[in-house]
Protein backbone atom coordinates (compact mmCIF):
# COMPACT_ATOMS: atom_id res chain seq x y z
CA MET A 1 46.85 -8.58 -97.05
CA ASN A 2 43.15 -9.28 -97.58
CA THR A 3 40.44 -8.44 -95.03
CA PRO A 4 37.74 -11.13 -95.35
CA ILE A 5 35.67 -10.23 -92.26
CA TRP A 6 35.58 -6.53 -93.05
CA ASP A 7 34.71 -7.19 -96.69
CA PHE A 8 31.89 -9.56 -95.84
CA VAL A 9 30.25 -7.20 -93.34
CA ARG A 10 30.56 -4.20 -95.65
CA LYS A 11 28.89 -6.10 -98.49
CA TYR A 12 26.13 -7.34 -96.19
CA SER A 13 25.49 -3.82 -94.90
CA ALA A 14 25.42 -2.41 -98.44
CA ARG A 15 22.76 -4.95 -99.45
CA ALA A 16 20.48 -3.60 -96.68
CA PRO A 17 18.57 -6.88 -96.21
CA LEU A 18 15.63 -7.27 -93.85
CA ARG A 19 17.43 -8.21 -90.62
CA LEU A 20 15.33 -10.82 -88.83
CA HIS A 21 18.27 -11.85 -86.67
CA MET A 22 20.12 -10.42 -83.68
CA PRO A 23 21.13 -7.75 -82.62
CA GLY A 24 17.94 -5.93 -81.71
CA HIS A 25 18.97 -2.61 -83.26
CA LYS A 26 18.43 -4.24 -86.71
CA GLY A 27 21.15 -2.11 -88.26
CA VAL A 28 19.33 1.14 -87.50
CA SER A 29 21.89 3.81 -86.68
CA VAL A 30 22.03 5.12 -83.13
CA THR A 31 25.74 5.29 -82.42
CA GLY A 32 26.79 5.05 -86.07
CA ALA A 33 28.18 1.51 -85.83
CA GLU A 34 24.94 -0.47 -86.00
CA SER A 35 24.95 -1.24 -89.73
CA LEU A 36 28.26 -3.10 -89.29
CA ASP A 37 27.24 -4.89 -86.09
CA ILE A 38 26.07 -8.40 -86.94
CA THR A 39 25.96 -11.89 -85.50
CA GLU A 40 26.76 -15.39 -86.84
CA ILE A 41 24.56 -15.22 -89.92
CA ALA A 42 25.17 -17.37 -93.00
CA GLY A 43 28.63 -16.66 -94.38
CA ALA A 44 29.82 -14.77 -91.28
CA ASP A 45 31.57 -17.83 -89.81
CA SER A 46 31.70 -18.57 -86.06
CA LEU A 47 34.58 -17.44 -83.87
CA PHE A 48 35.04 -20.65 -81.90
CA ASP A 49 34.23 -23.00 -84.76
CA ALA A 50 35.87 -21.03 -87.53
CA ALA A 51 35.99 -22.51 -91.01
CA GLY A 52 35.34 -19.50 -93.24
CA ILE A 53 36.16 -15.79 -93.15
CA ILE A 54 37.26 -15.79 -89.48
CA ALA A 55 39.56 -18.77 -90.07
CA GLU A 56 41.00 -16.96 -93.10
CA SER A 57 41.59 -13.79 -91.07
CA GLU A 58 43.19 -15.69 -88.19
CA ALA A 59 45.47 -17.39 -90.72
CA ASN A 60 46.56 -13.91 -91.84
CA ALA A 61 47.31 -12.97 -88.23
CA SER A 62 49.20 -16.23 -87.75
CA ARG A 63 51.47 -15.39 -90.67
CA LEU A 64 52.09 -11.92 -89.28
CA PHE A 65 53.08 -13.19 -85.84
CA GLY A 66 54.79 -16.41 -86.88
CA ALA A 67 52.58 -18.43 -84.55
CA HIS A 68 49.23 -20.17 -84.25
CA THR A 69 47.17 -17.04 -83.58
CA PHE A 70 43.56 -16.95 -82.43
CA TYR A 71 41.23 -14.00 -81.87
CA SER A 72 39.60 -12.87 -78.64
CA THR A 73 36.89 -10.20 -78.52
CA GLU A 74 37.07 -10.20 -74.72
CA GLY A 75 40.59 -8.89 -74.32
CA SER A 76 43.63 -10.66 -72.94
CA SER A 77 41.52 -11.72 -69.96
CA LEU A 78 39.92 -14.43 -72.10
CA ALA A 79 43.26 -15.34 -73.66
CA ILE A 80 44.92 -15.67 -70.23
CA ARG A 81 42.26 -18.07 -68.98
CA ALA A 82 42.56 -20.16 -72.14
CA MET A 83 46.36 -20.07 -71.91
CA ILE A 84 46.35 -21.38 -68.32
CA HIS A 85 43.85 -24.09 -69.28
CA LEU A 86 46.04 -25.18 -72.21
CA ALA A 87 49.11 -25.29 -69.95
CA CYS A 88 47.20 -27.55 -67.57
CA LEU A 89 46.09 -29.78 -70.45
CA HIS A 90 49.67 -30.01 -71.70
CA ALA A 91 50.87 -31.12 -68.26
CA ARG A 92 48.19 -33.77 -67.93
CA GLU A 93 48.81 -35.08 -71.45
CA SER A 94 52.46 -35.45 -70.40
CA GLY A 95 51.42 -37.48 -67.36
CA LYS A 96 52.14 -34.67 -64.88
CA LYS A 97 50.11 -32.76 -62.32
CA PRO A 98 49.85 -29.11 -63.40
CA LEU A 99 52.01 -26.77 -61.32
CA ILE A 100 52.43 -23.23 -62.62
CA ALA A 101 54.98 -20.90 -61.07
CA ALA A 102 54.01 -17.27 -61.51
CA ALA A 103 55.63 -13.90 -61.00
CA PRO A 104 53.69 -12.02 -58.29
CA ASN A 105 52.85 -9.06 -60.55
CA ALA A 106 50.37 -11.19 -62.50
CA HIS A 107 47.14 -9.57 -63.67
CA LYS A 108 44.17 -10.47 -61.47
CA THR A 109 42.75 -12.51 -64.37
CA PHE A 110 45.50 -15.04 -63.68
CA LEU A 111 44.01 -15.53 -60.21
CA SER A 112 40.48 -15.94 -61.54
CA ALA A 113 41.82 -18.49 -64.03
CA ALA A 114 43.50 -20.36 -61.19
CA ALA A 115 40.25 -20.32 -59.23
CA LEU A 116 38.17 -21.56 -62.16
CA LEU A 117 40.66 -24.32 -62.96
CA ASP A 118 41.30 -25.28 -59.31
CA LEU A 119 45.00 -24.49 -59.69
CA GLU A 120 47.21 -23.40 -56.79
CA PRO A 121 50.08 -21.31 -58.21
CA LEU A 122 53.59 -21.39 -56.88
CA TRP A 123 54.71 -17.78 -56.49
CA LEU A 124 58.18 -16.81 -57.63
CA GLU A 125 60.36 -15.16 -55.02
CA GLY A 126 62.04 -11.86 -55.77
CA ALA A 127 59.48 -9.13 -56.35
CA GLY A 128 60.70 -5.75 -57.54
CA GLU A 129 60.60 -2.44 -55.70
CA THR A 130 56.92 -2.06 -56.63
CA TYR A 131 54.11 -4.59 -56.74
CA LEU A 132 53.72 -3.76 -60.44
CA SER A 133 57.09 -5.25 -61.40
CA CYS A 134 58.92 -8.52 -60.96
CA PRO A 135 62.28 -8.76 -62.78
CA VAL A 136 62.37 -12.51 -63.43
CA THR A 137 65.96 -13.65 -64.02
CA VAL A 138 67.81 -16.77 -65.09
CA GLU A 139 69.02 -17.24 -61.51
CA MET A 140 65.44 -17.10 -60.20
CA LEU A 141 64.35 -19.89 -62.55
CA GLN A 142 67.43 -21.97 -61.82
CA ASN A 143 66.60 -21.77 -58.12
CA LEU A 144 62.96 -22.49 -58.86
CA PHE A 145 63.62 -25.73 -60.74
CA ALA A 146 66.26 -26.80 -58.20
CA LYS A 147 63.66 -26.56 -55.43
CA HIS A 148 60.58 -27.56 -57.47
CA PRO A 149 61.53 -29.85 -60.36
CA ASN A 150 57.85 -30.73 -60.81
CA VAL A 151 56.94 -27.24 -62.10
CA THR A 152 55.17 -27.68 -65.46
CA ALA A 153 54.96 -24.02 -66.57
CA VAL A 154 56.25 -20.57 -65.67
CA TYR A 155 54.05 -17.49 -66.07
CA VAL A 156 55.55 -14.01 -66.45
CA THR A 157 54.35 -10.54 -67.43
CA SER A 158 56.40 -8.64 -70.01
CA PRO A 159 56.07 -5.75 -70.62
CA ASP A 160 54.71 -4.98 -67.17
CA TYR A 161 52.44 -2.03 -66.52
CA LEU A 162 55.41 0.31 -66.07
CA GLY A 163 57.07 -0.73 -69.33
CA ASN A 164 59.75 -3.04 -67.97
CA LEU A 165 60.79 -5.80 -70.37
CA ILE A 166 62.12 -9.24 -69.44
CA ASP A 167 64.80 -11.00 -71.48
CA LEU A 168 62.61 -13.99 -72.31
CA ALA A 169 64.90 -16.08 -74.53
CA PRO A 170 67.18 -17.44 -71.76
CA LEU A 171 64.14 -18.05 -69.55
CA ALA A 172 62.55 -20.11 -72.33
CA GLU A 173 65.72 -22.18 -72.61
CA ILE A 174 65.71 -22.97 -68.89
CA CYS A 175 62.01 -23.85 -68.92
CA HIS A 176 62.41 -26.16 -71.90
CA ALA A 177 65.50 -27.81 -70.41
CA ASN A 178 63.35 -28.66 -67.38
CA GLY A 179 60.38 -29.89 -69.39
CA ALA A 180 58.25 -26.83 -68.63
CA LEU A 181 56.39 -24.30 -70.75
CA LEU A 182 57.00 -20.55 -70.64
CA LEU A 183 53.82 -18.45 -70.67
CA CYS A 184 53.84 -14.67 -71.11
CA ASP A 185 51.23 -12.01 -70.50
CA ASN A 186 52.25 -9.67 -73.34
CA ALA A 187 49.05 -7.66 -73.14
CA HIS A 188 50.91 -4.36 -73.51
CA GLY A 189 53.27 -5.52 -76.23
CA ALA A 190 51.47 -6.58 -79.42
CA TYR A 191 53.41 -3.91 -81.34
CA LEU A 192 56.76 -5.40 -80.28
CA LYS A 193 56.42 -7.79 -83.23
CA PHE A 194 56.75 -4.90 -85.67
CA LEU A 195 59.96 -3.44 -84.28
CA SER A 196 63.20 -4.21 -86.07
CA PRO A 197 64.36 -6.53 -84.66
CA SER A 198 61.20 -7.98 -83.18
CA LEU A 199 60.96 -8.07 -79.38
CA HIS A 200 57.77 -10.13 -79.37
CA PRO A 201 57.62 -13.14 -77.00
CA MET A 202 56.87 -15.49 -79.90
CA ASP A 203 60.28 -14.59 -81.35
CA GLN A 204 62.01 -15.29 -78.03
CA GLY A 205 60.93 -18.89 -77.59
CA VAL A 206 57.83 -18.36 -75.43
CA ASP A 207 55.31 -21.19 -75.76
CA LEU A 208 52.03 -19.36 -75.21
CA CYS A 209 51.28 -15.67 -74.87
CA CYS A 210 48.45 -13.17 -75.09
CA ASP A 211 48.43 -9.74 -76.70
CA SER A 212 45.85 -7.05 -76.09
CA ALA A 213 45.78 -5.79 -79.66
CA HIS A 214 43.58 -2.89 -78.58
CA LYS A 215 46.26 -1.51 -76.24
CA THR A 216 48.86 -0.67 -78.90
CA LEU A 217 47.46 -1.54 -82.35
CA PRO A 218 44.60 0.17 -84.26
CA VAL A 219 42.00 -2.21 -82.80
CA LEU A 220 38.75 -1.63 -80.88
CA THR A 221 38.73 -2.20 -77.14
CA GLY A 222 38.43 -5.92 -76.41
CA GLY A 223 40.38 -7.11 -79.44
CA ALA A 224 43.17 -9.50 -78.43
CA TYR A 225 45.23 -12.49 -79.54
CA LEU A 226 46.15 -15.86 -78.11
CA HIS A 227 49.42 -17.08 -79.63
CA LEU A 228 50.75 -20.64 -79.52
CA ASN A 229 54.29 -21.44 -80.55
CA ARG A 230 54.54 -23.46 -83.77
CA ASN A 231 56.69 -26.00 -81.91
CA LEU A 232 53.86 -27.04 -79.61
CA PRO A 233 52.15 -30.40 -80.22
CA LYS A 234 49.34 -30.34 -82.76
CA SER A 235 47.03 -31.91 -80.19
CA LEU A 236 47.41 -28.80 -78.01
CA VAL A 237 46.94 -26.36 -80.89
CA ASP A 238 43.79 -28.22 -81.89
CA GLN A 239 42.35 -27.54 -78.42
CA ALA A 240 42.96 -23.78 -78.48
CA LYS A 241 39.50 -22.89 -79.78
CA SER A 242 37.74 -25.07 -77.23
CA ALA A 243 39.92 -23.57 -74.49
CA LEU A 244 38.83 -20.08 -75.53
CA SER A 245 35.18 -21.04 -75.86
CA LEU A 246 35.18 -22.58 -72.37
CA PHE A 247 35.46 -19.09 -70.84
CA ALA A 248 34.01 -16.88 -73.58
CA SER A 249 30.70 -15.34 -74.44
CA THR A 250 28.77 -17.08 -77.22
CA SER A 251 28.12 -13.62 -78.71
CA PRO A 252 31.48 -12.28 -79.88
CA SER A 253 31.51 -8.73 -81.21
CA TYR A 254 31.76 -8.54 -84.98
CA LEU A 255 32.79 -4.90 -84.67
CA ILE A 256 35.87 -6.03 -82.76
CA LEU A 257 36.47 -8.88 -85.20
CA GLN A 258 36.42 -6.42 -88.08
CA SER A 259 38.98 -4.22 -86.36
CA LEU A 260 41.26 -7.23 -85.77
CA ASP A 261 40.84 -8.15 -89.42
CA LEU A 262 41.72 -4.64 -90.61
CA ALA A 263 44.72 -4.55 -88.26
CA ASN A 264 46.27 -7.43 -90.22
CA SER A 265 46.32 -5.28 -93.32
CA SER A 266 47.65 -2.27 -91.43
CA CYS A 267 50.40 -4.24 -89.67
CA ALA A 268 51.48 -5.84 -92.95
CA GLU A 269 51.74 -2.46 -94.68
CA ALA A 270 52.11 1.02 -93.13
CA PHE A 271 52.25 0.22 -89.42
CA PRO A 272 55.94 -0.85 -89.13
CA SER A 273 57.15 2.33 -90.87
CA ASP A 274 54.87 4.52 -88.77
CA LEU A 275 56.06 2.67 -85.67
CA ARG A 276 59.71 3.43 -86.43
CA LYS A 277 58.94 7.13 -86.74
CA THR A 278 56.94 7.14 -83.52
CA VAL A 279 59.68 5.32 -81.60
CA SER A 280 62.21 7.89 -82.83
CA ARG A 281 60.04 10.75 -81.55
CA MET A 282 59.58 8.91 -78.27
CA GLU A 283 63.33 8.49 -77.82
CA ASP A 284 63.80 12.22 -78.30
CA LEU A 285 61.04 13.03 -75.79
CA LYS A 286 62.46 10.66 -73.20
CA GLU A 287 65.90 12.20 -73.54
CA THR A 288 64.43 15.71 -73.20
CA LEU A 289 62.57 14.74 -70.03
CA ARG A 290 65.70 13.21 -68.53
CA ARG A 291 67.63 16.41 -69.24
CA GLN A 292 64.86 18.34 -67.55
CA GLY A 293 65.44 16.23 -64.43
CA PHE A 294 62.69 13.62 -64.58
CA SER A 295 63.42 10.02 -63.68
CA LEU A 296 62.04 7.48 -66.15
CA VAL A 297 61.65 3.74 -65.70
CA GLY A 298 61.09 0.88 -68.15
CA GLN A 299 62.49 0.01 -71.56
CA GLU A 300 59.27 -0.21 -73.54
CA PRO A 301 59.55 2.02 -76.65
CA LEU A 302 55.95 3.27 -76.75
CA LYS A 303 55.50 3.97 -73.06
CA ILE A 304 56.75 6.82 -70.90
CA THR A 305 56.73 6.06 -67.19
CA LEU A 306 57.74 8.92 -64.94
CA ALA A 307 58.93 8.34 -61.38
CA PRO A 308 58.35 11.97 -60.33
CA LYS A 309 59.02 11.86 -56.58
CA ALA A 310 62.65 12.88 -57.17
CA TYR A 311 61.25 15.89 -59.08
CA GLY A 312 59.13 16.80 -56.08
CA TYR A 313 55.70 15.30 -56.78
CA PRO A 314 53.75 12.10 -56.25
CA GLY A 315 52.54 10.56 -59.47
CA THR A 316 48.91 11.47 -58.85
CA GLU A 317 49.75 15.20 -58.67
CA VAL A 318 51.61 15.05 -61.99
CA GLU A 319 48.64 13.23 -63.49
CA ASN A 320 46.33 16.04 -62.35
CA PHE A 321 48.73 18.65 -63.72
CA LEU A 322 48.77 16.96 -67.11
CA ARG A 323 44.99 16.58 -67.07
CA ALA A 324 44.62 20.30 -66.43
CA GLY A 325 46.54 20.75 -69.69
CA GLU A 326 44.13 18.41 -71.52
CA ILE A 327 46.58 15.49 -71.46
CA GLU A 328 44.99 12.30 -70.14
CA CYS A 329 47.39 9.63 -68.89
CA GLU A 330 46.94 5.87 -68.82
CA PHE A 331 47.64 5.42 -65.10
CA ALA A 332 49.07 7.08 -62.03
CA ASP A 333 49.69 6.11 -58.43
CA PRO A 334 51.81 7.75 -55.71
CA ASP A 335 55.01 6.55 -57.38
CA PHE A 336 54.49 6.60 -61.15
CA VAL A 337 52.74 8.23 -64.09
CA VAL A 338 52.24 6.08 -67.20
CA MET A 339 51.66 7.54 -70.67
CA MET A 340 51.04 5.25 -73.66
CA PHE A 341 51.68 6.30 -77.26
CA SER A 342 51.10 4.55 -80.58
CA PRO A 343 51.76 5.23 -84.27
CA LEU A 344 48.29 6.78 -84.38
CA THR A 345 49.29 9.36 -81.76
CA ALA A 346 49.64 12.70 -83.51
CA PRO A 347 53.32 13.68 -84.06
CA GLU A 348 52.79 16.94 -82.16
CA ALA A 349 51.74 15.01 -79.02
CA CYS A 350 55.34 14.54 -77.91
CA LYS A 351 55.87 18.30 -78.08
CA ALA A 352 52.66 18.89 -76.12
CA VAL A 353 53.85 16.64 -73.29
CA GLU A 354 57.29 18.24 -73.33
CA GLU A 355 55.89 21.77 -73.16
CA ARG A 356 53.39 20.94 -70.43
CA LEU A 357 56.00 19.31 -68.19
CA LYS A 358 58.38 22.24 -68.73
CA ASN A 359 55.81 24.31 -66.85
CA LEU A 360 55.92 22.05 -63.81
CA PRO A 361 58.32 23.70 -61.33
CA ARG A 362 60.83 21.41 -59.67
CA GLN A 363 60.42 20.98 -55.92
CA SER A 364 62.18 19.24 -53.07
CA PRO A 365 62.07 15.46 -53.51
CA VAL A 366 59.19 13.52 -51.98
CA SER A 367 60.73 11.20 -49.41
CA GLU A 368 57.79 8.87 -48.74
CA ASN A 369 58.38 5.35 -50.05
CA PRO A 370 55.76 2.64 -50.55
CA PRO A 371 55.44 0.26 -47.59
CA PRO A 372 57.29 -2.99 -48.35
CA CYS A 373 55.53 -6.18 -49.33
CA LEU A 374 56.30 -8.94 -46.83
CA PRO A 375 56.01 -12.73 -47.26
CA HIS A 376 52.50 -13.97 -46.54
CA GLU A 377 50.96 -17.16 -45.27
CA GLY A 378 48.72 -18.83 -47.83
CA ILE A 379 45.71 -20.25 -45.99
CA LEU A 380 43.33 -21.04 -48.85
CA SER A 381 43.75 -21.74 -52.56
CA PRO A 382 42.55 -19.03 -54.94
CA ARG A 383 39.53 -21.19 -55.74
CA ALA A 384 38.59 -21.76 -52.10
CA ALA A 385 39.05 -18.07 -51.26
CA MET A 386 37.17 -16.65 -54.24
CA LEU A 387 34.24 -19.06 -53.95
CA ALA A 388 33.90 -18.84 -50.16
CA PRO A 389 31.18 -16.72 -48.54
CA SER A 390 32.72 -13.29 -48.08
CA GLU A 391 32.09 -9.82 -46.74
CA GLU A 392 33.51 -6.37 -47.30
CA VAL A 393 35.23 -4.68 -44.37
CA CYS A 394 37.20 -1.51 -43.75
CA VAL A 395 40.94 -1.92 -44.13
CA GLU A 396 41.36 -1.08 -40.42
CA GLU A 397 39.31 -4.19 -39.57
CA ALA A 398 41.06 -6.53 -42.02
CA ALA A 399 44.18 -7.63 -40.11
CA GLY A 400 44.07 -11.35 -39.38
CA ARG A 401 41.38 -12.02 -42.00
CA ILE A 402 41.84 -14.01 -45.22
CA LEU A 403 41.58 -12.04 -48.46
CA ALA A 404 38.69 -13.33 -50.56
CA SER A 405 39.25 -11.41 -53.80
CA PRO A 406 41.81 -8.98 -55.18
CA SER A 407 41.10 -5.44 -53.98
CA VAL A 408 42.42 -3.55 -56.96
CA GLY A 409 40.94 -1.66 -59.87
CA CYS A 410 41.79 -1.72 -63.54
CA PRO A 411 44.15 -0.19 -64.32
CA PRO A 412 46.46 -1.66 -63.18
CA ALA A 413 44.57 -4.82 -62.09
CA VAL A 414 47.65 -6.21 -60.33
CA PRO A 415 46.68 -7.42 -56.84
CA LEU A 416 48.44 -5.99 -53.80
CA LEU A 417 47.85 -9.30 -52.06
CA VAL A 418 46.87 -12.73 -53.35
CA CYS A 419 43.43 -14.00 -52.47
CA GLY A 420 43.67 -16.80 -49.92
CA GLN A 421 46.51 -15.12 -48.03
CA ARG A 422 46.11 -13.86 -44.50
CA ILE A 423 46.18 -10.08 -44.13
CA VAL A 424 48.77 -8.96 -41.59
CA PRO A 425 48.96 -5.58 -39.79
CA GLU A 426 51.84 -4.52 -42.06
CA ASP A 427 49.49 -4.75 -45.05
CA LEU A 428 47.22 -2.00 -43.80
CA PRO A 429 49.62 0.89 -44.58
CA ARG A 430 50.14 -0.61 -48.07
CA PHE A 431 46.40 -0.70 -48.73
CA ARG A 432 46.00 2.88 -47.55
CA TYR A 433 49.06 4.04 -49.54
CA TYR A 434 47.49 2.78 -52.77
CA GLY A 435 44.04 4.13 -51.96
CA VAL A 436 42.35 0.87 -50.96
CA ASP A 437 39.82 1.65 -48.20
CA ARG A 438 37.83 -1.57 -48.14
CA VAL A 439 38.69 -5.21 -48.83
CA ARG A 440 36.63 -8.35 -49.31
CA VAL A 441 37.53 -11.09 -46.83
CA VAL A 442 36.37 -14.65 -46.20
CA LYS A 443 33.53 -14.79 -43.70
CA ASP A 444 34.44 -16.35 -40.39
CA ALA A 445 32.86 -19.73 -39.85
């Protein structure tokens, strides 16, 4: 598969012209990447008005994924906002008022999209044992449409941060039978397309989804995709670029674009074979860890999520133990440790993890469980809460106040509580359990 963006930039750099255009480094090496870092010069095309090399590269990606695929150099965050905007446009073009039902483990970008678009989500009932997971089922959607037949789209996250996968095909059927779209945050699952068989949302009937290419493919941080199903109306597909540009910087990174371009070639050639070998090693490692006595959660092939309390440790202690052995994890909290692998992970990495964890002595189980998440009263819409005057207060002073913005870092960027909801006394132990000391609340009038 050809690589038009990469080829153009390499040729331009080799010519060594006098650069009287942005960026200000003028191609002079400081980090080593400057000679390949350009802007929308003649022949370089324009990301949100693509008609040349970027359009050609996106067409390559579209063929790979079997969808209408568009690039983002601002991660899945940009793609999520565009996806929500397109779902709202689709509803209005169908003569309906947009109403999106969302699983409560949505990334905080979903909330910022709702605020920007003045959308009040309808939250699905039935959260999992942790705020990071929500196992959306056929029964949940059947109940949803029975109670709310005016829902125009359903938004789910699969894989979630812990590696849990949702069976999306039957959910898509229910959504379509009720005249609704199915949207999927697939930020952690771009590589699922290259499994055999594919587990990618676009192959399970999902209408729109985002992939963070940089999370699992050989792509620079910030590289992502917005996918639209080929069955969607042409009028909606034609608005995808404008939906992205509505929320995006006008200075997209050509370094990231080059890495997305090169990833097309990699994914069309060596990547699937390398992926199969990596998945095989991962299966062996997971089985070894289970025999050792560790509990694992999630079905995602390239992710290992330990639930180490049964082994005698909170997740954060296991993270520190691995770090002391020069193994840096993706994420840890009191309940879980998440490790992400890819085909570019060295084959000996699995053995390194196995050997390090063999040296962790088993202890009596940790009995502390996370405080439960209770139903909450929604006082303000996400837009009203996020745009209201606010102040930061200690968690101990937050009961009775309205949350103004999600108090959660990235990773995992999944809010413990939705902005606009009233904080109740039972929330305070949850905040403390997950290390949240201060929250931003709406100022009292």
